[in-house]
Protein backbone atom coordinates (compact mmCIF):
# COMPACT_ATOMS: atom_id res chain seq x y z
CA MET A 1 -20.11 13.68 -35.32
CA LYS A 2 -17.20 15.99 -34.33
CA ARG A 3 -13.78 14.20 -32.82
CA GLU A 4 -11.64 16.45 -30.97
CA ARG A 5 -8.30 16.90 -32.09
CA HIS A 6 -6.28 18.44 -29.39
CA VAL A 7 -7.23 18.65 -26.17
CA ASN A 8 -4.78 18.77 -22.76
CA ILE A 9 -5.66 18.18 -19.34
CA PRO A 10 -7.44 20.68 -17.95
CA SER A 11 -6.35 22.01 -15.06
CA ARG A 12 -9.37 22.97 -13.01
CA MET A 13 -11.97 20.59 -14.03
CA SER A 14 -13.51 17.79 -11.75
CA ALA A 15 -10.53 16.18 -9.70
CA SER A 16 -12.85 13.14 -9.82
CA LYS A 17 -13.09 11.98 -13.00
CA PRO A 18 -10.99 14.44 -15.45
CA LYS A 19 -10.97 13.90 -19.07
CA ILE A 20 -7.51 12.90 -20.18
CA GLY A 21 -7.03 14.23 -23.59
CA ASN A 22 -4.28 14.35 -26.65
CA LEU A 23 -3.27 10.41 -26.11
CA PRO A 24 -1.48 8.57 -28.34
CA TRP A 25 -3.39 6.30 -30.20
CA ARG A 26 -1.84 3.00 -29.10
CA MET A 27 -2.29 4.08 -25.44
CA ASN A 28 -4.70 1.41 -23.71
CA ASP A 29 -5.96 1.34 -20.40
CA ILE A 30 -3.60 -0.43 -18.73
CA THR A 31 -0.94 2.01 -20.06
CA LEU A 32 -2.82 5.20 -18.86
CA GLN A 33 -3.41 3.63 -15.57
CA GLN A 34 0.42 3.21 -15.36
CA LEU A 35 1.26 6.80 -16.04
CA PHE A 36 -0.54 7.90 -13.60
CA SER A 37 0.06 5.31 -11.06
CA ALA A 38 3.46 7.09 -10.39
CA TYR A 39 1.53 10.31 -8.72
CA GLY A 40 -1.04 8.16 -6.53
CA THR A 41 -3.36 5.47 -6.63
CA VAL A 42 -5.27 4.69 -9.87
CA LEU A 43 -9.01 3.44 -9.05
CA GLY A 44 -9.70 3.10 -12.84
CA ALA A 45 -8.40 4.13 -15.96
CA LYS A 46 -10.47 4.07 -19.13
CA VAL A 47 -9.40 4.88 -22.81
CA VAL A 48 -12.30 5.59 -24.55
CA ARG A 49 -12.50 3.88 -28.38
CA GLU A 50 -14.82 3.64 -31.69
CA GLU A 51 -17.33 1.44 -31.36
CA ILE A 52 -17.12 0.32 -35.03
CA ASN A 53 -13.36 -0.51 -35.32
CA GLY A 54 -11.97 -0.24 -31.37
CA ARG A 55 -9.74 2.21 -32.45
CA SER A 56 -8.59 4.61 -29.52
CA ARG A 57 -10.12 8.18 -29.75
CA GLY A 58 -7.14 9.99 -28.09
CA PHE A 59 -8.63 10.37 -25.32
CA GLY A 60 -10.04 8.57 -21.53
CA PHE A 61 -10.65 9.03 -18.28
CA VAL A 62 -8.98 8.22 -15.01
CA VAL A 63 -10.19 7.86 -11.53
CA MET A 64 -7.57 8.52 -8.50
CA SER A 65 -8.30 8.12 -4.80
CA THR A 66 -7.48 11.71 -3.78
CA SER A 67 -8.27 14.98 -5.73
CA ALA A 68 -4.62 15.76 -4.07
CA GLU A 69 -2.97 12.78 -6.16
CA MET A 70 -4.85 13.71 -9.26
CA GLU A 71 -3.85 17.60 -8.94
CA ARG A 72 -0.75 16.39 -8.63
CA ALA A 73 -0.84 13.77 -12.09
CA ILE A 74 -2.42 16.89 -13.49
CA ALA A 75 0.26 19.40 -12.76
CA MET A 76 3.35 16.73 -13.28
CA LEU A 77 1.73 15.56 -16.82
CA ASP A 78 -0.11 18.37 -18.54
CA GLY A 79 1.51 18.49 -22.13
CA SER A 80 4.34 16.10 -21.53
CA VAL A 81 2.39 12.74 -22.59
CA SER A 82 4.42 10.84 -25.68
CA THR A 83 5.05 7.17 -26.27
CA SER A 84 8.55 7.60 -25.13
CA ASN A 85 7.57 7.09 -21.43
CA LEU A 86 5.28 4.06 -22.34
CA THR A 87 5.57 0.58 -22.46
CA LEU A 88 3.18 -0.41 -25.60
């Protein structure tokens, strides 16, 4: 199975549930939700994890209440996610 290594937030992906990539290994569902909640109402946030050891795969998915909120979050966060802004 090939693992994705360097993936950023796609600018024109489905606004309902875009793939959010290049996440810090220590990020979890709660910190991902906190990160996006600054830009609107987050309905769901999920960091994808390895089945065997539970380690983050470095990407996840976020669902926001409107596509406008998602577009704003994407515009503000694309390429800027770092662990210094998170409560881990």
